[in-house]
């Protein structure tokens, strides 16, 4: 049985570019959900991939490259 690697991305956005950045994040393949937040982080996204390497490429190569994304922190989901 194949497991999916799931990460929760906490995202800081550049003021004034929030709407555009959120739209681009939502259109990124591998991102299953994006929600806006109030507080230290501006948004949270759920990313899914078949393996950790693919998840890394998705976050570093795509999400962090979107204009308006200032910073991210990724929390990996795990099982006990």
PDB file of N, CA and C in Angstrom:
ATOM      1  N   UNK A   1       0.841  -1.182   0.000  1.00  0.00           N
ATOM      2  CA  UNK A   1       0.000   0.000   0.000  1.00  0.00           C
ATOM      3  C   UNK A   1       0.886   1.245   0.000  1.00  0.00           C
ATOM      4  N   UNK A   2       0.609   2.144  -0.904  1.00  0.00           N
ATOM      5  CA  UNK A   2       1.405   3.365  -1.043  1.00  0.00           C
ATOM      6  C   UNK A   2       0.884   4.454  -0.115  1.00  0.00           C
ATOM      7  N   UNK A   3       1.789   5.072   0.605  1.00  0.00           N
ATOM      8  CA  UNK A   3       1.418   6.166   1.503  1.00  0.00           C
ATOM      9  C   UNK A   3       1.646   7.500   0.808  1.00  0.00           C
ATOM     10  N   UNK A   4       0.866   8.472   1.166  1.00  0.00           N
ATOM     11  CA  UNK A   4       1.031   9.834   0.673  1.00  0.00           C
ATOM     12  C   UNK A   4       1.752  10.629   1.753  1.00  0.00           C
ATOM     13  N   UNK A   5       2.743  11.418   1.340  1.00  0.00           N
ATOM     14  CA  UNK A   5       3.424  12.328   2.254  1.00  0.00           C
ATOM     15  C   UNK A   5       2.642  13.636   2.244  1.00  0.00           C
ATOM     16  N   UNK A   6       2.245  14.085   3.434  1.00  0.00           N
ATOM     17  CA  UNK A   6       1.429  15.297   3.534  1.00  0.00           C
ATOM     18  C   UNK A   6       2.166  16.320   4.376  1.00  0.00           C
ATOM     19  N   UNK A   7       2.200  17.564   3.872  1.00  0.00           N
ATOM     20  CA  UNK A   7       2.820  18.660   4.608  1.00  0.00           C
ATOM     21  C   UNK A   7       1.850  19.815   4.754  1.00  0.00           C
ATOM     22  N   UNK A   8       1.926  20.467   5.896  1.00  0.00           N
ATOM     23  CA  UNK A   8       1.132  21.668   6.152  1.00  0.00           C
ATOM     24  C   UNK A   8       2.089  22.843   6.043  1.00  0.00           C
ATOM     25  N   UNK A   9       1.841  23.731   5.084  1.00  0.00           N
ATOM     26  CA  UNK A   9       2.728  24.854   4.833  1.00  0.00           C
ATOM     27  C   UNK A   9       2.173  26.104   5.494  1.00  0.00           C
ATOM     28  N   UNK A  10       2.917  26.646   6.431  1.00  0.00           N
ATOM     29  CA  UNK A  10       2.597  27.945   7.008  1.00  0.00           C
ATOM     30  C   UNK A  10       3.270  28.976   6.116  1.00  0.00           C
ATOM     31  N   UNK A  11       2.513  29.955   5.651  1.00  0.00           N
ATOM     32  CA  UNK A  11       3.006  30.870   4.616  1.00  0.00           C
ATOM     33  C   UNK A  11       2.873  32.324   5.046  1.00  0.00           C
ATOM     34  N   UNK A  12       3.967  33.087   4.895  1.00  0.00           N
ATOM     35  CA  UNK A  12       3.931  34.542   5.058  1.00  0.00           C
ATOM     36  C   UNK A  12       3.900  35.145   3.667  1.00  0.00           C
ATOM     37  N   UNK A  13       3.015  36.125   3.474  1.00  0.00           N
ATOM     38  CA  UNK A  13       2.843  36.754   2.174  1.00  0.00           C
ATOM     39  C   UNK A  13       3.297  38.211   2.208  1.00  0.00           C
ATOM     40  N   UNK A  14       3.703  38.713   1.050  1.00  0.00           N
ATOM     41  CA  UNK A  14       4.106  40.106   0.915  1.00  0.00           C
ATOM     42  C   UNK A  14       2.843  40.967   0.878  1.00  0.00           C
ATOM     43  N   UNK A  15       2.762  41.990   1.725  1.00  0.00           N
ATOM     44  CA  UNK A  15       1.590  42.865   1.705  1.00  0.00           C
ATOM     45  C   UNK A  15       1.334  43.437   0.304  1.00  0.00           C
ATOM     46  N   UNK A  16       0.085  43.374  -0.105  1.00  0.00           N
ATOM     47  CA  UNK A  16      -0.309  43.877  -1.415  1.00  0.00           C
ATOM     48  C   UNK A  16      -0.312  42.803  -2.492  1.00  0.00           C
ATOM     49  N   UNK A  17       0.359  41.680  -2.246  1.00  0.00           N
ATOM     50  CA  UNK A  17       0.419  40.597  -3.233  1.00  0.00           C
ATOM     51  C   UNK A  17      -0.329  39.347  -2.770  1.00  0.00           C
ATOM     52  N   UNK A  18      -1.072  39.474  -1.674  1.00  0.00           N
ATOM     53  CA  UNK A  18      -1.744  38.314  -1.080  1.00  0.00           C
ATOM     54  C   UNK A  18      -2.685  37.609  -2.056  1.00  0.00           C
ATOM     55  N   UNK A  19      -3.560  38.359  -2.686  1.00  0.00           N
ATOM     56  CA  UNK A  19      -4.586  37.767  -3.549  1.00  0.00           C
ATOM     57  C   UNK A  19      -3.956  37.005  -4.714  1.00  0.00           C
ATOM     58  N   UNK A  20      -2.994  37.604  -5.366  1.00  0.00           N
ATOM     59  CA  UNK A  20      -2.323  36.971  -6.497  1.00  0.00           C
ATOM     60  C   UNK A  20      -1.571  35.723  -6.053  1.00  0.00           C
ATOM     61  N   UNK A  21      -0.857  35.820  -4.944  1.00  0.00           N
ATOM     62  CA  UNK A  21      -0.077  34.681  -4.449  1.00  0.00           C
ATOM     63  C   UNK A  21      -0.993  33.524  -4.070  1.00  0.00           C
ATOM     64  N   UNK A  22      -2.089  33.808  -3.367  1.00  0.00           N
ATOM     65  CA  UNK A  22      -3.030  32.760  -2.967  1.00  0.00           C
ATOM     66  C   UNK A  22      -3.615  32.070  -4.196  1.00  0.00           C
ATOM     67  N   UNK A  23      -3.967  32.840  -5.216  1.00  0.00           N
ATOM     68  CA  UNK A  23      -4.508  32.252  -6.451  1.00  0.00           C
ATOM     69  C   UNK A  23      -3.503  31.307  -7.093  1.00  0.00           C
ATOM     70  N   UNK A  24      -2.240  31.719  -7.142  1.00  0.00           N
ATOM     71  CA  UNK A  24      -1.202  30.880  -7.751  1.00  0.00           C
ATOM     72  C   UNK A  24      -0.935  29.632  -6.912  1.00  0.00           C
ATOM     73  N   UNK A  25      -0.929  29.779  -5.594  1.00  0.00           N
ATOM     74  CA  UNK A  25      -0.724  28.621  -4.722  1.00  0.00           C
ATOM     75  C   UNK A  25      -1.846  27.611  -4.938  1.00  0.00           C
ATOM     76  N   UNK A  26      -3.086  28.090  -5.020  1.00  0.00           N
ATOM     77  CA  UNK A  26      -4.241  27.203  -5.222  1.00  0.00           C
ATOM     78  C   UNK A  26      -4.160  26.441  -6.539  1.00  0.00           C
ATOM     79  N   UNK A  27      -3.533  27.027  -7.554  1.00  0.00           N
ATOM     80  CA  UNK A  27      -3.429  26.395  -8.867  1.00  0.00           C
ATOM     81  C   UNK A  27      -2.234  25.438  -8.967  1.00  0.00           C
ATOM     82  N   UNK A  28      -1.399  25.389  -7.960  1.00  0.00           N
ATOM     83  CA  UNK A  28      -0.205  24.552  -7.987  1.00  0.00           C
ATOM     84  C   UNK A  28      -0.573  23.086  -7.785  1.00  0.00           C
ATOM     85  N   UNK A  29      -0.129  22.245  -8.713  1.00  0.00           N
ATOM     86  CA  UNK A  29      -0.406  20.814  -8.614  1.00  0.00           C
ATOM     87  C   UNK A  29       0.272  20.253  -7.374  1.00  0.00           C
ATOM     88  N   UNK A  30      -0.477  19.517  -6.573  1.00  0.00           N
ATOM     89  CA  UNK A  30       0.030  18.962  -5.327  1.00  0.00           C
ATOM     90  C   UNK A  30      -0.473  19.712  -4.104  1.00  0.00           C
ATOM     91  N   UNK A  31      -0.986  20.916  -4.309  1.00  0.00           N
ATOM     92  CA  UNK A  31      -1.603  21.685  -3.224  1.00  0.00           C
ATOM     93  C   UNK A  31      -3.088  21.334  -3.225  1.00  0.00           C
ATOM     94  N   UNK A  32      -3.564  20.790  -2.111  1.00  0.00           N
ATOM     95  CA  UNK A  32      -4.953  20.330  -2.059  1.00  0.00           C
ATOM     96  C   UNK A  32      -5.888  21.311  -1.378  1.00  0.00           C
ATOM     97  N   UNK A  33      -5.333  22.227  -0.591  1.00  0.00           N
ATOM     98  CA  UNK A  33      -6.176  23.183   0.142  1.00  0.00           C
ATOM     99  C   UNK A  33      -5.337  24.385   0.551  1.00  0.00           C
ATOM    100  N   UNK A  34      -5.937  25.569   0.522  1.00  0.00           N
ATOM    101  CA  UNK A  34      -5.287  26.799   0.990  1.00  0.00           C
ATOM    102  C   UNK A  34      -6.317  27.602   1.776  1.00  0.00           C
ATOM    103  N   UNK A  35      -5.922  28.061   2.963  1.00  0.00           N
ATOM    104  CA  UNK A  35      -6.807  28.882   3.792  1.00  0.00           C
ATOM    105  C   UNK A  35      -6.042  30.088   4.315  1.00  0.00           C
ATOM    106  N   UNK A  36      -6.713  31.230   4.345  1.00  0.00           N
ATOM    107  CA  UNK A  36      -6.119  32.450   4.907  1.00  0.00           C
ATOM    108  C   UNK A  36      -6.199  32.398   6.421  1.00  0.00           C
ATOM    109  N   UNK A  37      -5.225  33.023   7.074  1.00  0.00           N
ATOM    110  CA  UNK A  37      -5.145  33.044   8.530  1.00  0.00           C
ATOM    111  C   UNK A  37      -4.977  34.476   9.032  1.00  0.00           C
ATOM    112  N   UNK A  38      -5.295  34.695  10.288  1.00  0.00           N
ATOM    113  CA  UNK A  38      -4.925  35.907  11.000  1.00  0.00           C
ATOM    114  C   UNK A  38      -3.851  35.511  11.996  1.00  0.00           C
ATOM    115  N   UNK A  39      -2.868  36.361  12.207  1.00  0.00           N
ATOM    116  CA  UNK A  39      -1.821  36.047  13.177  1.00  0.00           C
ATOM    117  C   UNK A  39      -0.449  36.111  12.555  1.00  0.00           C
ATOM    118  N   UNK A  40       0.477  35.333  13.095  1.00  0.00           N
ATOM    119  CA  UNK A  40       1.872  35.342  12.655  1.00  0.00           C
ATOM    120  C   UNK A  40       2.001  34.905  11.197  1.00  0.00           C
ATOM    121  N   UNK A  41       1.159  33.973  10.749  1.00  0.00           N
ATOM    122  CA  UNK A  41       1.189  33.463   9.379  1.00  0.00           C
ATOM    123  C   UNK A  41      -0.035  33.980   8.632  1.00  0.00           C
ATOM    124  N   UNK A  42       0.098  34.153   7.326  1.00  0.00           N
ATOM    125  CA  UNK A  42      -0.990  34.693   6.514  1.00  0.00           C
ATOM    126  C   UNK A  42      -1.859  33.611   5.881  1.00  0.00           C
ATOM    127  N   UNK A  43      -1.292  32.424   5.694  1.00  0.00           N
ATOM    128  CA  UNK A  43      -2.047  31.346   5.053  1.00  0.00           C
ATOM    129  C   UNK A  43      -1.478  30.002   5.483  1.00  0.00           C
ATOM    130  N   UNK A  44      -2.303  28.971   5.330  1.00  0.00           N
ATOM    131  CA  UNK A  44      -1.858  27.597   5.521  1.00  0.00           C
ATOM    132  C   UNK A  44      -2.325  26.799   4.311  1.00  0.00           C
ATOM    133  N   UNK A  45      -1.436  25.959   3.792  1.00  0.00           N
ATOM    134  CA  UNK A  45      -1.765  25.136   2.634  1.00  0.00           C
ATOM    135  C   UNK A  45      -1.438  23.689   2.968  1.00  0.00           C
ATOM    136  N   UNK A  46      -2.176  22.784   2.350  1.00  0.00           N
ATOM    137  CA  UNK A  46      -1.888  21.362   2.490  1.00  0.00           C
ATOM    138  C   UNK A  46      -1.294  20.895   1.167  1.00  0.00           C
ATOM    139  N   UNK A  47      -0.122  20.283   1.270  1.00  0.00           N
ATOM    140  CA  UNK A  47       0.568  19.758   0.095  1.00  0.00           C
ATOM    141  C   UNK A  47       0.682  18.250   0.222  1.00  0.00           C
ATOM    142  N   UNK A  48       0.518  17.547  -0.902  1.00  0.00           N
ATOM    143  CA  UNK A  48       0.620  16.093  -0.893  1.00  0.00           C
ATOM    144  C   UNK A  48       1.512  15.635  -2.032  1.00  0.00           C
ATOM    145  N   UNK A  49       2.301  14.574  -1.752  1.00  0.00           N
ATOM    146  CA  UNK A  49       3.169  13.984  -2.760  1.00  0.00           C
ATOM    147  C   UNK A  49       3.361  12.508  -2.430  1.00  0.00           C
ATOM    148  N   UNK A  50       3.916  11.763  -3.387  1.00  0.00           N
ATOM    149  CA  UNK A  50       4.131  10.326  -3.194  1.00  0.00           C
ATOM    150  C   UNK A  50       5.337  10.036  -2.318  1.00  0.00           C
ATOM    151  N   UNK A  51       6.304  10.974  -2.294  1.00  0.00           N
ATOM    152  CA  UNK A  51       7.498  10.776  -1.475  1.00  0.00           C
ATOM    153  C   UNK A  51       8.037  12.134  -1.029  1.00  0.00           C
ATOM    154  N   UNK A  52       8.895  12.113  -0.033  1.00  0.00           N
ATOM    155  CA  UNK A  52       9.400  13.350   0.561  1.00  0.00           C
ATOM    156  C   UNK A  52      10.157  14.201  -0.457  1.00  0.00           C
ATOM    157  N   UNK A  53      10.892  13.559  -1.369  1.00  0.00           N
ATOM    158  CA  UNK A  53      11.626  14.304  -2.389  1.00  0.00           C
ATOM    159  C   UNK A  53      10.673  15.111  -3.265  1.00  0.00           C
ATOM    160  N   UNK A  54       9.551  14.512  -3.663  1.00  0.00           N
ATOM    161  CA  UNK A  54       8.561  15.225  -4.476  1.00  0.00           C
ATOM    162  C   UNK A  54       7.942  16.378  -3.697  1.00  0.00           C
ATOM    163  N   UNK A  55       7.697  16.163  -2.418  1.00  0.00           N
ATOM    164  CA  UNK A  55       7.140  17.225  -1.583  1.00  0.00           C
ATOM    165  C   UNK A  55       8.127  18.385  -1.470  1.00  0.00           C
ATOM    166  N   UNK A  56       9.408  18.054  -1.318  1.00  0.00           N
ATOM    167  CA  UNK A  56      10.447  19.086  -1.254  1.00  0.00           C
ATOM    168  C   UNK A  56      10.489  19.895  -2.538  1.00  0.00           C
ATOM    169  N   UNK A  57      10.449  19.222  -3.696  1.00  0.00           N
ATOM    170  CA  UNK A  57      10.455  19.930  -4.982  1.00  0.00           C
ATOM    171  C   UNK A  57       9.235  20.836  -5.119  1.00  0.00           C
ATOM    172  N   UNK A  58       8.096  20.349  -4.666  1.00  0.00           N
ATOM    173  CA  UNK A  58       6.864  21.133  -4.735  1.00  0.00           C
ATOM    174  C   UNK A  58       6.991  22.419  -3.915  1.00  0.00           C
ATOM    175  N   UNK A  59       7.484  22.294  -2.700  1.00  0.00           N
ATOM    176  CA  UNK A  59       7.558  23.449  -1.805  1.00  0.00           C
ATOM    177  C   UNK A  59       8.665  24.410  -2.225  1.00  0.00           C
ATOM    178  N   UNK A  60       9.876  23.878  -2.384  1.00  0.00           N
ATOM    179  CA  UNK A  60      11.023  24.731  -2.690  1.00  0.00           C
ATOM    180  C   UNK A  60      10.987  25.219  -4.138  1.00  0.00           C
ATOM    181  N   UNK A  61      10.680  24.324  -5.051  1.00  0.00           N
ATOM    182  CA  UNK A  61      10.732  24.672  -6.468  1.00  0.00           C
ATOM    183  C   UNK A  61       9.530  25.422  -6.989  1.00  0.00           C
ATOM    184  N   UNK A  62       8.391  25.262  -6.339  1.00  0.00           N
ATOM    185  CA  UNK A  62       7.193  25.909  -6.860  1.00  0.00           C
ATOM    186  C   UNK A  62       6.597  26.939  -5.906  1.00  0.00           C
ATOM    187  N   UNK A  63       6.170  26.505  -4.734  1.00  0.00           N
ATOM    188  CA  UNK A  63       5.466  27.424  -3.833  1.00  0.00           C
ATOM    189  C   UNK A  63       6.361  28.596  -3.429  1.00  0.00           C
ATOM    190  N   UNK A  64       7.591  28.330  -3.034  1.00  0.00           N
ATOM    191  CA  UNK A  64       8.494  29.419  -2.625  1.00  0.00           C
ATOM    192  C   UNK A  64       8.872  30.336  -3.773  1.00  0.00           C
ATOM    193  N   UNK A  65       8.698  29.867  -5.008  1.00  0.00           N
ATOM    194  CA  UNK A  65       9.005  30.682  -6.176  1.00  0.00           C
ATOM    195  C   UNK A  65       7.874  31.599  -6.620  1.00  0.00           C
ATOM    196  N   UNK A  66       6.733  31.493  -5.987  1.00  0.00           N
ATOM    197  CA  UNK A  66       5.578  32.323  -6.357  1.00  0.00           C
ATOM    198  C   UNK A  66       5.799  33.740  -5.846  1.00  0.00           C
ATOM    199  N   UNK A  67       5.597  34.706  -6.739  1.00  0.00           N
ATOM    200  CA  UNK A  67       5.738  36.111  -6.344  1.00  0.00           C
ATOM    201  C   UNK A  67       4.700  36.432  -5.280  1.00  0.00           C
ATOM    202  N   UNK A  68       5.174  36.973  -4.166  1.00  0.00           N
ATOM    203  CA  UNK A  68       4.293  37.299  -3.056  1.00  0.00           C
ATOM    204  C   UNK A  68       4.459  36.360  -1.873  1.00  0.00           C
ATOM    205  N   UNK A  69       5.115  35.219  -2.088  1.00  0.00           N
ATOM    206  CA  UNK A  69       5.414  34.311  -0.981  1.00  0.00           C
ATOM    207  C   UNK A  69       6.732  34.759  -0.371  1.00  0.00           C
ATOM    208  N   UNK A  70       6.668  35.181   0.879  1.00  0.00           N
ATOM    209  CA  UNK A  70       7.836  35.730   1.561  1.00  0.00           C
ATOM    210  C   UNK A  70       8.594  34.662   2.349  1.00  0.00           C
ATOM    211  N   UNK A  71       7.867  33.742   2.996  1.00  0.00           N
ATOM    212  CA  UNK A  71       8.496  32.751   3.856  1.00  0.00           C
ATOM    213  C   UNK A  71       7.538  31.590   4.035  1.00  0.00           C
ATOM    214  N   UNK A  72       8.102  30.405   4.256  1.00  0.00           N
ATOM    215  CA  UNK A  72       7.280  29.230   4.566  1.00  0.00           C
ATOM    216  C   UNK A  72       7.932  28.403   5.656  1.00  0.00           C
ATOM    217  N   UNK A  73       7.102  27.700   6.391  1.00  0.00           N
ATOM    218  CA  UNK A  73       7.533  26.662   7.318  1.00  0.00           C
ATOM    219  C   UNK A  73       6.649  25.461   7.033  1.00  0.00           C
ATOM    220  N   UNK A  74       7.265  24.295   6.921  1.00  0.00           N
ATOM    221  CA  UNK A  74       6.499  23.086   6.597  1.00  0.00           C
ATOM    222  C   UNK A  74       6.471  22.152   7.790  1.00  0.00           C
ATOM    223  N   UNK A  75       5.276  21.692   8.113  1.00  0.00           N
ATOM    224  CA  UNK A  75       5.068  20.703   9.163  1.00  0.00           C
ATOM    225  C   UNK A  75       4.642  19.410   8.474  1.00  0.00           C
ATOM    226  N   UNK A  76       5.383  18.331   8.674  1.00  0.00           N
ATOM    227  CA  UNK A  76       5.052  17.055   8.063  1.00  0.00           C
ATOM    228  C   UNK A  76       4.095  16.268   8.931  1.00  0.00           C
ATOM    229  N   UNK A  77       3.073  15.706   8.294  1.00  0.00           N
ATOM    230  CA  UNK A  77       2.129  14.849   9.016  1.00  0.00           C
ATOM    231  C   UNK A  77       2.771  13.491   9.217  1.00  0.00           C
ATOM    232  N   UNK A  78       2.498  12.873  10.348  1.00  0.00           N
ATOM    233  CA  UNK A  78       3.044  11.553  10.642  1.00  0.00           C
ATOM    234  C   UNK A  78       2.013  10.711  11.363  1.00  0.00           C
ATOM    235  N   UNK A  79       2.310   9.463  11.504  1.00  0.00           N
ATOM    236  CA  UNK A  79       1.450   8.534  12.237  1.00  0.00           C
ATOM    237  C   UNK A  79       2.210   8.010  13.445  1.00  0.00           C
ATOM    238  N   UNK A  80       1.498   7.677  14.507  1.00  0.00           N
ATOM    239  CA  UNK A  80       2.121   7.066  15.679  1.00  0.00           C
ATOM    240  C   UNK A  80       1.908   5.569  15.660  1.00  0.00           C
TER     241      UNK A  80
END
